[in-house]
PDB file of N, CA and C in Angstrom:
ATOM      1  N   MET A   1      11.114 -44.441 -30.388  1.00  0.00           N
ATOM      2  CA  MET A   1      11.239 -44.624 -28.730  1.00  0.00           C
ATOM      3  C   MET A   1      10.149 -43.811 -28.192  1.00  0.00           C
ATOM      4  N   GLN A   2       9.539 -44.471 -27.230  1.00  0.00           N
ATOM      5  CA  GLN A   2       8.045 -43.646 -26.535  1.00  0.00           C
ATOM      6  C   GLN A   2       8.323 -43.046 -25.483  1.00  0.00           C
ATOM      7  N   VAL A   3       8.064 -41.832 -25.412  1.00  0.00           N
ATOM      8  CA  VAL A   3       8.415 -41.375 -24.148  1.00  0.00           C
ATOM      9  C   VAL A   3       7.065 -41.141 -23.087  1.00  0.00           C
ATOM     10  N   GLN A   4       7.121 -41.213 -21.881  1.00  0.00           N
ATOM     11  CA  GLN A   4       5.859 -41.189 -21.117  1.00  0.00           C
ATOM     12  C   GLN A   4       6.155 -40.161 -20.136  1.00  0.00           C
ATOM     13  N   PHE A   5       5.243 -38.888 -20.009  1.00  0.00           N
ATOM     14  CA  PHE A   5       5.665 -37.806 -18.875  1.00  0.00           C
ATOM     15  C   PHE A   5       4.813 -37.816 -17.941  1.00  0.00           C
ATOM     16  N   ASN A   6       5.244 -37.968 -16.454  1.00  0.00           N
ATOM     17  CA  ASN A   6       4.210 -37.684 -15.630  1.00  0.00           C
ATOM     18  C   ASN A   6       4.879 -36.778 -14.486  1.00  0.00           C
ATOM     19  N   SER A   7       3.634 -36.246 -14.172  1.00  0.00           N
ATOM     20  CA  SER A   7       4.023 -35.100 -12.999  1.00  0.00           C
ATOM     21  C   SER A   7       2.932 -34.912 -11.966  1.00  0.00           C
ATOM     22  N   ASP A   8       3.203 -34.219 -10.498  1.00  0.00           N
ATOM     23  CA  ASP A   8       2.391 -33.986  -9.900  1.00  0.00           C
ATOM     24  C   ASP A   8       1.600 -32.706 -10.333  1.00  0.00           C
ATOM     25  N   SER A   9       0.416 -31.975  -9.637  1.00  0.00           N
ATOM     26  CA  SER A   9      -0.153 -31.266  -9.839  1.00  0.00           C
ATOM     27  C   SER A   9       0.433 -29.737  -9.465  1.00  0.00           C
ATOM     28  N   SER A  10       1.573 -29.916  -8.351  1.00  0.00           N
ATOM     29  CA  SER A  10       1.931 -28.719  -8.225  1.00  0.00           C
ATOM     30  C   SER A  10       3.054 -28.045  -9.254  1.00  0.00           C
ATOM     31  N   VAL A  11       3.547 -29.017 -10.049  1.00  0.00           N
ATOM     32  CA  VAL A  11       4.570 -28.788 -10.826  1.00  0.00           C
ATOM     33  C   VAL A  11       4.315 -27.764 -11.964  1.00  0.00           C
ATOM     34  N   MET A  12       2.836 -28.715 -12.501  1.00  0.00           N
ATOM     35  CA  MET A  12       2.338 -28.164 -13.838  1.00  0.00           C
ATOM     36  C   MET A  12       1.680 -26.750 -13.821  1.00  0.00           C
ATOM     37  N   GLY A  13       2.686 -25.459 -13.560  1.00  0.00           N
ATOM     38  CA  GLY A  13       2.553 -24.189 -13.970  1.00  0.00           C
ATOM     39  C   GLY A  13       1.911 -23.577 -15.140  1.00  0.00           C
ATOM     40  N   THR A  14       2.301 -24.296 -16.412  1.00  0.00           N
ATOM     41  CA  THR A  14       2.007 -23.989 -17.304  1.00  0.00           C
ATOM     42  C   THR A  14       1.811 -24.998 -18.476  1.00  0.00           C
ATOM     43  N   GLU A  15       0.807 -25.061 -19.334  1.00  0.00           N
ATOM     44  CA  GLU A  15       0.304 -25.875 -20.035  1.00  0.00           C
ATOM     45  C   GLU A  15       2.173 -26.940 -20.789  1.00  0.00           C
ATOM     46  N   ASN A  16       2.582 -26.024 -21.142  1.00  0.00           N
ATOM     47  CA  ASN A  16       3.634 -26.590 -22.173  1.00  0.00           C
ATOM     48  C   ASN A  16       5.178 -26.952 -21.245  1.00  0.00           C
ATOM     49  N   VAL A  17       4.931 -27.144 -19.807  1.00  0.00           N
ATOM     50  CA  VAL A  17       5.752 -27.830 -18.984  1.00  0.00           C
ATOM     51  C   VAL A  17       6.262 -28.796 -19.889  1.00  0.00           C
ATOM     52  N   ALA A  18       5.334 -29.858 -19.788  1.00  0.00           N
ATOM     53  CA  ALA A  18       5.429 -31.298 -20.244  1.00  0.00           C
ATOM     54  C   ALA A  18       6.004 -31.421 -21.717  1.00  0.00           C
ATOM     55  N   ASP A  19       5.885 -30.221 -22.502  1.00  0.00           N
ATOM     56  CA  ASP A  19       6.171 -30.427 -23.912  1.00  0.00           C
ATOM     57  C   ASP A  19       7.341 -29.788 -23.901  1.00  0.00           C
ATOM     58  N   ARG A  20       7.714 -28.749 -23.113  1.00  0.00           N
ATOM     59  CA  ARG A  20       9.652 -28.316 -22.965  1.00  0.00           C
ATOM     60  C   ARG A  20      10.525 -29.264 -22.449  1.00  0.00           C
ATOM     61  N   ILE A  21       9.684 -30.203 -21.755  1.00  0.00           N
ATOM     62  CA  ILE A  21      10.824 -30.999 -20.899  1.00  0.00           C
ATOM     63  C   ILE A  21      10.903 -32.204 -22.098  1.00  0.00           C
ATOM     64  N   GLU A  22       9.991 -32.689 -22.198  1.00  0.00           N
ATOM     65  CA  GLU A  22      10.088 -33.986 -23.003  1.00  0.00           C
ATOM     66  C   GLU A  22      11.000 -33.656 -24.118  1.00  0.00           C
ATOM     67  N   ALA A  23      10.746 -32.637 -24.850  1.00  0.00           N
ATOM     68  CA  ALA A  23      11.572 -32.089 -26.145  1.00  0.00           C
ATOM     69  C   ALA A  23      12.919 -32.187 -25.758  1.00  0.00           C
ATOM     70  N   ALA A  24      13.181 -31.563 -24.598  1.00  0.00           N
ATOM     71  CA  ALA A  24      14.503 -30.944 -24.249  1.00  0.00           C
ATOM     72  C   ALA A  24      15.351 -32.674 -24.044  1.00  0.00           C
ATOM     73  N   VAL A  25      14.320 -33.541 -23.405  1.00  0.00           N
ATOM     74  CA  VAL A  25      15.283 -34.979 -22.597  1.00  0.00           C
ATOM     75  C   VAL A  25      15.297 -35.535 -24.090  1.00  0.00           C
ATOM     76  N   ARG A  26      14.365 -35.421 -25.216  1.00  0.00           N
ATOM     77  CA  ARG A  26      14.307 -36.426 -26.419  1.00  0.00           C
ATOM     78  C   ARG A  26      15.777 -35.613 -27.270  1.00  0.00           C
ATOM     79  N   ASP A  27      16.031 -34.624 -27.450  1.00  0.00           N
ATOM     80  CA  ASP A  27      16.966 -33.821 -27.502  1.00  0.00           C
ATOM     81  C   ASP A  27      18.295 -34.446 -27.144  1.00  0.00           C
ATOM     82  N   LYS A  28      18.172 -34.120 -26.102  1.00  0.00           N
ATOM     83  CA  LYS A  28      19.769 -35.156 -25.300  1.00  0.00           C
ATOM     84  C   LYS A  28      19.963 -36.636 -25.424  1.00  0.00           C
ATOM     85  N   LEU A  29      18.896 -36.782 -25.404  1.00  0.00           N
ATOM     86  CA  LEU A  29      19.220 -38.786 -25.589  1.00  0.00           C
ATOM     87  C   LEU A  29      18.714 -39.234 -26.859  1.00  0.00           C
ATOM     88  N   SER A  30      18.995 -38.456 -28.149  1.00  0.00           N
ATOM     89  CA  SER A  30      18.270 -38.692 -29.245  1.00  0.00           C
ATOM     90  C   SER A  30      19.335 -39.619 -30.258  1.00  0.00           C
ATOM     91  N   ARG A  31      20.753 -39.718 -29.543  1.00  0.00           N
ATOM     92  CA  ARG A  31      21.701 -40.537 -29.909  1.00  0.00           C
ATOM     93  C   ARG A  31      21.284 -41.938 -29.719  1.00  0.00           C
ATOM     94  N   PHE A  32      20.583 -42.073 -28.217  1.00  0.00           N
ATOM     95  CA  PHE A  32      20.461 -43.345 -27.695  1.00  0.00           C
ATOM     96  C   PHE A  32      18.966 -44.172 -29.049  1.00  0.00           C
ATOM     97  N   GLU A  33      18.100 -43.109 -29.530  1.00  0.00           N
ATOM     98  CA  GLU A  33      16.947 -43.473 -29.634  1.00  0.00           C
ATOM     99  C   GLU A  33      16.834 -44.990 -30.486  1.00  0.00           C
ATOM    100  N   GLU A  34      17.192 -45.192 -31.173  1.00  0.00           N
ATOM    101  CA  GLU A  34      17.321 -46.494 -31.675  1.00  0.00           C
ATOM    102  C   GLU A  34      17.528 -47.991 -30.669  1.00  0.00           C
ATOM    103  N   ARG A  35      18.204 -47.482 -29.679  1.00  0.00           N
ATOM    104  CA  ARG A  35      18.580 -48.726 -28.670  1.00  0.00           C
ATOM    105  C   ARG A  35      17.704 -48.383 -27.007  1.00  0.00           C
ATOM    106  N   LEU A  36      16.856 -47.571 -27.122  1.00  0.00           N
ATOM    107  CA  LEU A  36      15.697 -47.469 -26.404  1.00  0.00           C
ATOM    108  C   LEU A  36      14.189 -48.220 -26.876  1.00  0.00           C
ATOM    109  N   THR A  37      13.546 -48.408 -25.942  1.00  0.00           N
ATOM    110  CA  THR A  37      12.236 -48.639 -26.335  1.00  0.00           C
ATOM    111  C   THR A  37      11.573 -47.702 -25.740  1.00  0.00           C
ATOM    112  N   ARG A  38      11.571 -47.058 -24.448  1.00  0.00           N
ATOM    113  CA  ARG A  38      10.908 -46.102 -23.664  1.00  0.00           C
ATOM    114  C   ARG A  38      11.696 -45.525 -23.148  1.00  0.00           C
ATOM    115  N   ILE A  39      11.135 -44.212 -22.301  1.00  0.00           N
ATOM    116  CA  ILE A  39      11.695 -43.206 -21.518  1.00  0.00           C
ATOM    117  C   ILE A  39      10.565 -42.695 -20.436  1.00  0.00           C
ATOM    118  N   GLU A  40      10.751 -42.568 -19.097  1.00  0.00           N
ATOM    119  CA  GLU A  40       9.598 -42.372 -18.659  1.00  0.00           C
ATOM    120  C   GLU A  40      10.223 -41.090 -17.820  1.00  0.00           C
ATOM    121  N   ILE A  41       9.646 -39.811 -17.752  1.00  0.00           N
ATOM    122  CA  ILE A  41      10.163 -38.705 -17.382  1.00  0.00           C
ATOM    123  C   ILE A  41       9.045 -38.391 -16.184  1.00  0.00           C
ATOM    124  N   HIS A  42       9.947 -38.062 -14.575  1.00  0.00           N
ATOM    125  CA  HIS A  42       8.752 -38.239 -13.491  1.00  0.00           C
ATOM    126  C   HIS A  42       9.314 -36.766 -12.950  1.00  0.00           C
ATOM    127  N   VAL A  43       8.168 -35.570 -13.017  1.00  0.00           N
ATOM    128  CA  VAL A  43       8.716 -34.370 -12.412  1.00  0.00           C
ATOM    129  C   VAL A  43       7.845 -34.468 -10.969  1.00  0.00           C
ATOM    130  N   ARG A  44       8.569 -33.686  -9.825  1.00  0.00           N
ATOM    131  CA  ARG A  44       7.774 -33.280  -8.641  1.00  0.00           C
ATOM    132  C   ARG A  44       8.162 -32.242  -8.007  1.00  0.00           C
ATOM    133  N   ASP A  45       7.458 -31.692  -7.466  1.00  0.00           N
ATOM    134  CA  ASP A  45       7.819 -31.056  -5.839  1.00  0.00           C
ATOM    135  C   ASP A  45       7.927 -31.522  -4.817  1.00  0.00           C
ATOM    136  N   GLU A  46       9.054 -31.514  -4.195  1.00  0.00           N
ATOM    137  CA  GLU A  46       9.069 -32.318  -2.985  1.00  0.00           C
ATOM    138  C   GLU A  46       8.661 -31.606  -2.043  1.00  0.00           C
ATOM    139  N   ASN A  47       7.995 -30.352  -1.912  1.00  0.00           N
ATOM    140  CA  ASN A  47       8.123 -29.558  -0.665  1.00  0.00           C
ATOM    141  C   ASN A  47       6.540 -29.071  -0.757  1.00  0.00           C
ATOM    142  N   GLY A  48       5.921 -29.396  -2.063  1.00  0.00           N
ATOM    143  CA  GLY A  48       4.451 -29.206  -2.290  1.00  0.00           C
ATOM    144  C   GLY A  48       4.740 -27.274  -2.077  1.00  0.00           C
ATOM    145  N   PRO A  49       3.597 -26.763  -1.381  1.00  0.00           N
ATOM    146  CA  PRO A  49       3.377 -25.798  -1.417  1.00  0.00           C
ATOM    147  C   PRO A  49       4.241 -24.957  -0.807  1.00  0.00           C
ATOM    148  N   LYS A  50       5.159 -25.399   0.345  1.00  0.00           N
ATOM    149  CA  LYS A  50       6.263 -24.880   0.972  1.00  0.00           C
ATOM    150  C   LYS A  50       7.412 -24.365  -0.057  1.00  0.00           C
ATOM    151  N   HIS A  51       8.132 -23.528  -0.110  1.00  0.00           N
ATOM    152  CA  HIS A  51       9.240 -23.223  -0.904  1.00  0.00           C
ATOM    153  C   HIS A  51      10.290 -23.443  -0.500  1.00  0.00           C
ATOM    154  N   GLY A  52      11.323 -23.927  -1.292  1.00  0.00           N
ATOM    155  CA  GLY A  52      12.503 -24.395  -0.494  1.00  0.00           C
ATOM    156  C   GLY A  52      13.376 -24.581  -1.903  1.00  0.00           C
ATOM    157  N   GLY A  53      14.896 -24.608  -1.464  1.00  0.00           N
ATOM    158  CA  GLY A  53      15.684 -24.712  -2.236  1.00  0.00           C
ATOM    159  C   GLY A  53      15.971 -26.079  -2.768  1.00  0.00           C
ATOM    160  N   ASP A  54      16.250 -26.060  -4.169  1.00  0.00           N
ATOM    161  CA  ASP A  54      16.467 -27.503  -4.917  1.00  0.00           C
ATOM    162  C   ASP A  54      15.045 -28.377  -4.245  1.00  0.00           C
ATOM    163  N   ASP A  55      14.101 -28.185  -4.596  1.00  0.00           N
ATOM    164  CA  ASP A  55      13.061 -28.861  -4.071  1.00  0.00           C
ATOM    165  C   ASP A  55      11.995 -29.457  -5.181  1.00  0.00           C
ATOM    166  N   LYS A  56      12.549 -29.246  -6.500  1.00  0.00           N
ATOM    167  CA  LYS A  56      11.924 -29.631  -7.882  1.00  0.00           C
ATOM    168  C   LYS A  56      12.936 -31.262  -7.711  1.00  0.00           C
ATOM    169  N   ALA A  57      12.008 -32.150  -8.030  1.00  0.00           N
ATOM    170  CA  ALA A  57      13.247 -33.382  -8.430  1.00  0.00           C
ATOM    171  C   ALA A  57      12.521 -33.745 -10.007  1.00  0.00           C
ATOM    172  N   CYS A  58      13.190 -34.048 -10.904  1.00  0.00           N
ATOM    173  CA  CYS A  58      13.343 -35.055 -12.032  1.00  0.00           C
ATOM    174  C   CYS A  58      13.887 -36.355 -12.159  1.00  0.00           C
ATOM    175  N   THR A  59      13.058 -37.423 -12.321  1.00  0.00           N
ATOM    176  CA  THR A  59      13.411 -38.691 -12.220  1.00  0.00           C
ATOM    177  C   THR A  59      13.360 -39.340 -13.702  1.00  0.00           C
ATOM    178  N   ILE A  60      14.457 -39.921 -14.463  1.00  0.00           N
ATOM    179  CA  ILE A  60      13.679 -40.220 -15.789  1.00  0.00           C
ATOM    180  C   ILE A  60      14.908 -41.815 -16.012  1.00  0.00           C
ATOM    181  N   GLU A  61      13.926 -42.562 -16.277  1.00  0.00           N
ATOM    182  CA  GLU A  61      14.144 -43.994 -16.488  1.00  0.00           C
ATOM    183  C   GLU A  61      14.157 -44.373 -17.840  1.00  0.00           C
ATOM    184  N   ALA A  62      15.373 -44.788 -18.360  1.00  0.00           N
ATOM    185  CA  ALA A  62      15.436 -45.511 -19.588  1.00  0.00           C
ATOM    186  C   ALA A  62      15.295 -46.716 -19.870  1.00  0.00           C
ATOM    187  N   ARG A  63      14.621 -47.310 -20.789  1.00  0.00           N
ATOM    188  CA  ARG A  63      14.716 -48.923 -20.861  1.00  0.00           C
ATOM    189  C   ARG A  63      15.140 -49.386 -22.279  1.00  0.00           C
ATOM    190  N   PRO A  64      16.692 -49.897 -22.528  1.00  0.00           N
ATOM    191  CA  PRO A  64      17.042 -50.034 -23.135  1.00  0.00           C
ATOM    192  C   PRO A  64      16.556 -51.716 -23.823  1.00  0.00           C
ATOM    193  N   ARG A  65      16.671 -52.196 -24.965  1.00  0.00           N
ATOM    194  CA  ARG A  65      16.133 -52.730 -25.551  1.00  0.00           C
ATOM    195  C   ARG A  65      16.770 -53.964 -25.250  1.00  0.00           C
ATOM    196  N   GLY A  66      16.100 -55.390 -24.381  1.00  0.00           N
ATOM    197  CA  GLY A  66      16.788 -56.267 -23.988  1.00  0.00           C
ATOM    198  C   GLY A  66      17.633 -56.094 -23.164  1.00  0.00           C
ATOM    199  N   GLY A  67      17.229 -55.031 -21.909  1.00  0.00           N
ATOM    200  CA  GLY A  67      18.191 -54.963 -20.680  1.00  0.00           C
ATOM    201  C   GLY A  67      17.397 -54.178 -19.589  1.00  0.00           C
ATOM    202  N   ARG A  68      17.894 -53.951 -18.404  1.00  0.00           N
ATOM    203  CA  ARG A  68      17.370 -53.509 -17.250  1.00  0.00           C
ATOM    204  C   ARG A  68      17.436 -52.256 -17.646  1.00  0.00           C
ATOM    205  N   ALA A  69      16.304 -51.529 -16.509  1.00  0.00           N
ATOM    206  CA  ALA A  69      16.014 -50.070 -17.016  1.00  0.00           C
ATOM    207  C   ALA A  69      17.428 -49.601 -16.188  1.00  0.00           C
ATOM    208  N   ILE A  70      17.219 -48.232 -16.594  1.00  0.00           N
ATOM    209  CA  ILE A  70      18.447 -47.149 -15.779  1.00  0.00           C
ATOM    210  C   ILE A  70      17.725 -45.888 -15.927  1.00  0.00           C
ATOM    211  N   GLY A  71      17.970 -45.503 -14.372  1.00  0.00           N
ATOM    212  CA  GLY A  71      17.285 -44.264 -13.588  1.00  0.00           C
ATOM    213  C   GLY A  71      18.212 -43.612 -13.042  1.00  0.00           C
ATOM    214  N   VAL A  72      17.530 -42.152 -13.524  1.00  0.00           N
ATOM    215  CA  VAL A  72      18.570 -41.165 -12.728  1.00  0.00           C
ATOM    216  C   VAL A  72      17.354 -40.085 -12.218  1.00  0.00           C
ATOM    217  N   THR A  73      17.721 -39.763 -11.096  1.00  0.00           N
ATOM    218  CA  THR A  73      17.225 -38.180 -10.552  1.00  0.00           C
ATOM    219  C   THR A  73      18.192 -37.352 -10.233  1.00  0.00           C
ATOM    220  N   GLU A  74      17.447 -36.148 -10.267  1.00  0.00           N
ATOM    221  CA  GLU A  74      17.822 -35.241  -9.960  1.00  0.00           C
ATOM    222  C   GLU A  74      17.565 -33.900  -9.331  1.00  0.00           C
ATOM    223  N   HIS A  75      17.814 -32.873  -8.658  1.00  0.00           N
ATOM    224  CA  HIS A  75      16.888 -31.994  -8.003  1.00  0.00           C
ATOM    225  C   HIS A  75      17.450 -30.629  -8.011  1.00  0.00           C
ATOM    226  N   ALA A  76      16.651 -29.593  -8.371  1.00  0.00           N
ATOM    227  CA  ALA A  76      17.171 -28.046  -8.766  1.00  0.00           C
ATOM    228  C   ALA A  76      15.975 -27.455  -8.133  1.00  0.00           C
ATOM    229  N   ALA A  77      15.989 -25.816  -8.153  1.00  0.00           N
ATOM    230  CA  ALA A  77      14.908 -24.895  -7.743  1.00  0.00           C
ATOM    231  C   ALA A  77      14.072 -24.509  -8.575  1.00  0.00           C
ATOM    232  N   LYS A  78      14.123 -25.049 -10.252  1.00  0.00           N
ATOM    233  CA  LYS A  78      13.608 -25.306 -10.934  1.00  0.00           C
ATOM    234  C   LYS A  78      13.253 -26.269 -11.953  1.00  0.00           C
ATOM    235  N   VAL A  79      11.861 -26.843 -12.510  1.00  0.00           N
ATOM    236  CA  VAL A  79      11.621 -27.980 -13.043  1.00  0.00           C
ATOM    237  C   VAL A  79      12.635 -28.758 -14.304  1.00  0.00           C
ATOM    238  N   ASP A  80      12.738 -27.598 -14.926  1.00  0.00           N
ATOM    239  CA  ASP A  80      13.239 -27.427 -16.238  1.00  0.00           C
ATOM    240  C   ASP A  80      14.802 -27.806 -15.937  1.00  0.00           C
ATOM    241  N   ASP A  81      15.747 -26.959 -15.019  1.00  0.00           N
ATOM    242  CA  ASP A  81      16.522 -27.123 -14.574  1.00  0.00           C
ATOM    243  C   ASP A  81      16.968 -28.762 -13.799  1.00  0.00           C
ATOM    244  N   ALA A  82      16.123 -29.047 -13.255  1.00  0.00           N
ATOM    245  CA  ALA A  82      16.187 -30.669 -12.713  1.00  0.00           C
ATOM    246  C   ALA A  82      16.295 -31.357 -13.685  1.00  0.00           C
ATOM    247  N   ALA A  83      15.486 -31.438 -15.097  1.00  0.00           N
ATOM    248  CA  ALA A  83      15.041 -31.916 -16.090  1.00  0.00           C
ATOM    249  C   ALA A  83      16.296 -32.191 -17.111  1.00  0.00           C
ATOM    250  N   ARG A  84      16.988 -30.546 -16.907  1.00  0.00           N
ATOM    251  CA  ARG A  84      18.351 -30.903 -17.920  1.00  0.00           C
ATOM    252  C   ARG A  84      19.382 -31.366 -17.098  1.00  0.00           C
ATOM    253  N   LYS A  85      19.774 -31.751 -15.696  1.00  0.00           N
ATOM    254  CA  LYS A  85      20.800 -32.191 -15.208  1.00  0.00           C
ATOM    255  C   LYS A  85      20.159 -33.691 -15.318  1.00  0.00           C
ATOM    256  N   ALA A  86      19.292 -34.347 -15.058  1.00  0.00           N
ATOM    257  CA  ALA A  86      19.069 -35.297 -14.986  1.00  0.00           C
ATOM    258  C   ALA A  86      19.203 -35.879 -16.717  1.00  0.00           C
ATOM    259  N   ALA A  87      18.598 -35.439 -17.498  1.00  0.00           N
ATOM    260  CA  ALA A  87      18.881 -35.506 -18.938  1.00  0.00           C
ATOM    261  C   ALA A  87      20.581 -35.861 -18.808  1.00  0.00           C
ATOM    262  N   ASN A  88      21.259 -34.862 -18.568  1.00  0.00           N
ATOM    263  CA  ASN A  88      22.417 -35.046 -18.902  1.00  0.00           C
ATOM    264  C   ASN A  88      23.223 -36.192 -18.302  1.00  0.00           C
ATOM    265  N   THR A  89      23.061 -36.469 -16.628  1.00  0.00           N
ATOM    266  CA  THR A  89      23.414 -37.762 -16.113  1.00  0.00           C
ATOM    267  C   THR A  89      23.037 -38.944 -16.999  1.00  0.00           C
ATOM    268  N   LEU A  90      21.709 -39.147 -17.242  1.00  0.00           N
ATOM    269  CA  LEU A  90      21.575 -40.474 -17.726  1.00  0.00           C
ATOM    270  C   LEU A  90      22.094 -40.610 -19.158  1.00  0.00           C
ATOM    271  N   ALA A  91      22.159 -39.080 -19.931  1.00  0.00           N
ATOM    272  CA  ALA A  91      23.266 -39.347 -21.004  1.00  0.00           C
ATOM    273  C   ALA A  91      24.361 -40.042 -20.874  1.00  0.00           C
ATOM    274  N   GLN A  92      24.970 -40.121 -19.324  1.00  0.00           N
ATOM    275  CA  GLN A  92      26.478 -40.371 -19.582  1.00  0.00           C
ATOM    276  C   GLN A  92      26.252 -41.833 -18.935  1.00  0.00           C
ATOM    277  N   ARG A  93      25.233 -42.043 -18.410  1.00  0.00           N
ATOM    278  CA  ARG A  93      24.829 -43.375 -17.924  1.00  0.00           C
ATOM    279  C   ARG A  93      25.001 -44.570 -19.223  1.00  0.00           C
ATOM    280  N   LEU A  94      23.991 -43.917 -19.827  1.00  0.00           N
ATOM    281  CA  LEU A  94      23.663 -44.370 -21.184  1.00  0.00           C
ATOM    282  C   LEU A  94      25.334 -44.848 -21.907  1.00  0.00           C
ATOM    283  N   THR A  95      25.937 -43.752 -21.948  1.00  0.00           N
ATOM    284  CA  THR A  95      27.233 -43.746 -22.904  1.00  0.00           C
ATOM    285  C   THR A  95      28.187 -44.664 -22.087  1.00  0.00           C
ATOM    286  N   ARG A  96      28.024 -45.098 -20.813  1.00  0.00           N
ATOM    287  CA  ARG A  96      28.663 -46.333 -20.239  1.00  0.00           C
ATOM    288  C   ARG A  96      28.368 -47.516 -20.546  1.00  0.00           C
ATOM    289  N   HIS A  97      26.829 -47.682 -20.285  1.00  0.00           N
ATOM    290  CA  HIS A  97      26.357 -48.786 -20.489  1.00  0.00           C
ATOM    291  C   HIS A  97      26.375 -49.288 -21.738  1.00  0.00           C
ATOM    292  N   PHE A  98      25.982 -48.601 -22.864  1.00  0.00           N
ATOM    293  CA  PHE A  98      26.367 -49.364 -24.291  1.00  0.00           C
ATOM    294  C   PHE A  98      27.991 -49.188 -24.693  1.00  0.00           C
ATOM    295  N   GLY A  99      28.527 -48.594 -24.096  1.00  0.00           N
ATOM    296  CA  GLY A  99      30.221 -48.417 -24.239  1.00  0.00           C
ATOM    297  C   GLY A  99      30.356 -49.925 -23.917  1.00  0.00           C
ATOM    298  N   LYS A 100      30.095 -50.252 -22.135  1.00  0.00           N
ATOM    299  CA  LYS A 100      30.596 -51.359 -21.897  1.00  0.00           C
ATOM    300  C   LYS A 100      30.024 -52.575 -22.760  1.00  0.00           C
ATOM    301  N   SER A 101      28.558 -52.822 -22.865  1.00  0.00           N
ATOM    302  CA  SER A 101      28.402 -53.836 -23.941  1.00  0.00           C
ATOM    303  C   SER A 101      28.871 -54.284 -25.384  1.00  0.00           C
ATOM    304  N   GLU A 102      29.514 -52.939 -25.935  1.00  0.00           N
ATOM    305  CA  GLU A 102      30.206 -53.184 -27.185  1.00  0.00           C
ATOM    306  C   GLU A 102      31.617 -53.606 -27.077  1.00  0.00           C
ATOM    307  N   ARG A 103      32.278 -53.086 -25.802  1.00  0.00           N
ATOM    308  CA  ARG A 103      33.499 -53.925 -25.473  1.00  0.00           C
ATOM    309  C   ARG A 103      33.537 -55.341 -25.180  1.00  0.00           C
ATOM    310  N   HIS A 104      32.455 -55.530 -24.425  1.00  0.00           N
ATOM    311  CA  HIS A 104      32.479 -56.960 -23.775  1.00  0.00           C
ATOM    312  C   HIS A 104      31.498 -57.974 -24.715  1.00  0.00           C
ATOM    313  N   GLY A 105      30.919 -57.067 -25.580  1.00  0.00           N
ATOM    314  CA  GLY A 105      29.669 -58.083 -26.183  1.00  0.00           C
ATOM    315  C   GLY A 105      30.395 -58.608 -27.520  1.00  0.00           C
ATOM    316  N   HIS A 106      31.262 -58.370 -27.754  1.00  0.00           N
ATOM    317  CA  HIS A 106      32.183 -59.110 -29.173  1.00  0.00           C
ATOM    318  C   HIS A 106      32.817 -60.476 -29.250  1.00  0.00           C
ATOM    319  N   ASP A 107      33.001 -61.024 -30.248  1.00  0.00           N
ATOM    320  CA  ASP A 107      33.147 -62.436 -30.257  1.00  0.00           C
ATOM    321  C   ASP A 107      34.856 -61.877 -30.001  1.00  0.00           C
ATOM    322  N   PRO A 108      35.454 -63.352 -29.446  1.00  0.00           N
ATOM    323  CA  PRO A 108      36.819 -63.126 -29.241  1.00  0.00           C
ATOM    324  C   PRO A 108      37.186 -63.817 -30.404  1.00  0.00           C
ATOM    325  N   ARG A 109      38.619 -62.720 -30.624  1.00  0.00           N
ATOM    326  CA  ARG A 109      39.750 -63.100 -31.920  1.00  0.00           C
ATOM    327  C   ARG A 109      39.969 -64.613 -32.200  1.00  0.00           C
ATOM    328  N   PRO A 110      40.079 -64.797 -33.389  1.00  0.00           N
ATOM    329  CA  PRO A 110      40.152 -66.352 -33.754  1.00  0.00           C
ATOM    330  C   PRO A 110      41.683 -66.570 -33.387  1.00  0.00           C
ATOM    331  N   ASP A 111      42.579 -66.116 -33.165  1.00  0.00           N
ATOM    332  CA  ASP A 111      43.704 -66.640 -32.579  1.00  0.00           C
ATOM    333  C   ASP A 111      43.635 -66.528 -31.129  1.00  0.00           C
ATOM    334  N   LYS A 112      42.633 -66.174 -30.704  1.00  0.00           N
ATOM    335  CA  LYS A 112      43.099 -66.002 -29.399  1.00  0.00           C
ATOM    336  C   LYS A 112      41.893 -67.239 -28.565  1.00  0.00           C
ATOM    337  N   VAL A 113      41.419 -67.969 -29.670  1.00  0.00           N
ATOM    338  CA  VAL A 113      40.200 -68.789 -28.786  1.00  0.00           C
ATOM    339  C   VAL A 113      41.091 -70.532 -28.329  1.00  0.00           C
ATOM    340  N   MET A 114      40.742 -70.548 -27.313  1.00  0.00           N
ATOM    341  CA  MET A 114      41.246 -72.008 -26.675  1.00  0.00           C
ATOM    342  C   MET A 114      40.707 -73.206 -27.382  1.00  0.00           C
ATOM    343  N   SER A 115      41.360 -74.274 -27.375  1.00  0.00           N
ATOM    344  CA  SER A 115      40.705 -75.327 -27.574  1.00  0.00           C
ATOM    345  C   SER A 115      40.890 -76.426 -26.626  1.00  0.00           C
TER     346      SER A 115
END
């Protein structure tokens, strides 16, 4: 699973922000690793130099093998909190997505096949 990290210049306060957020997202989504081709993480400060509550945003987009991208965006006062919230929300969506494909992607039971 490939992970791509993107951010605007106002978010990068320390060097390890990208490493820290990428590690947290990888950890949260590790159970889906075999089913995903790529994860894109985008963090930004929506107010720039103006400070405000919940102005940091994190968008995470997961690309399932052979499927359409699934994305979420969360906001918080700190970039790490926004990333944590986005990873949690994406994990829930992926659980539902893969759960539905498993429920609906099976072969019909032999005794239920209509002739």
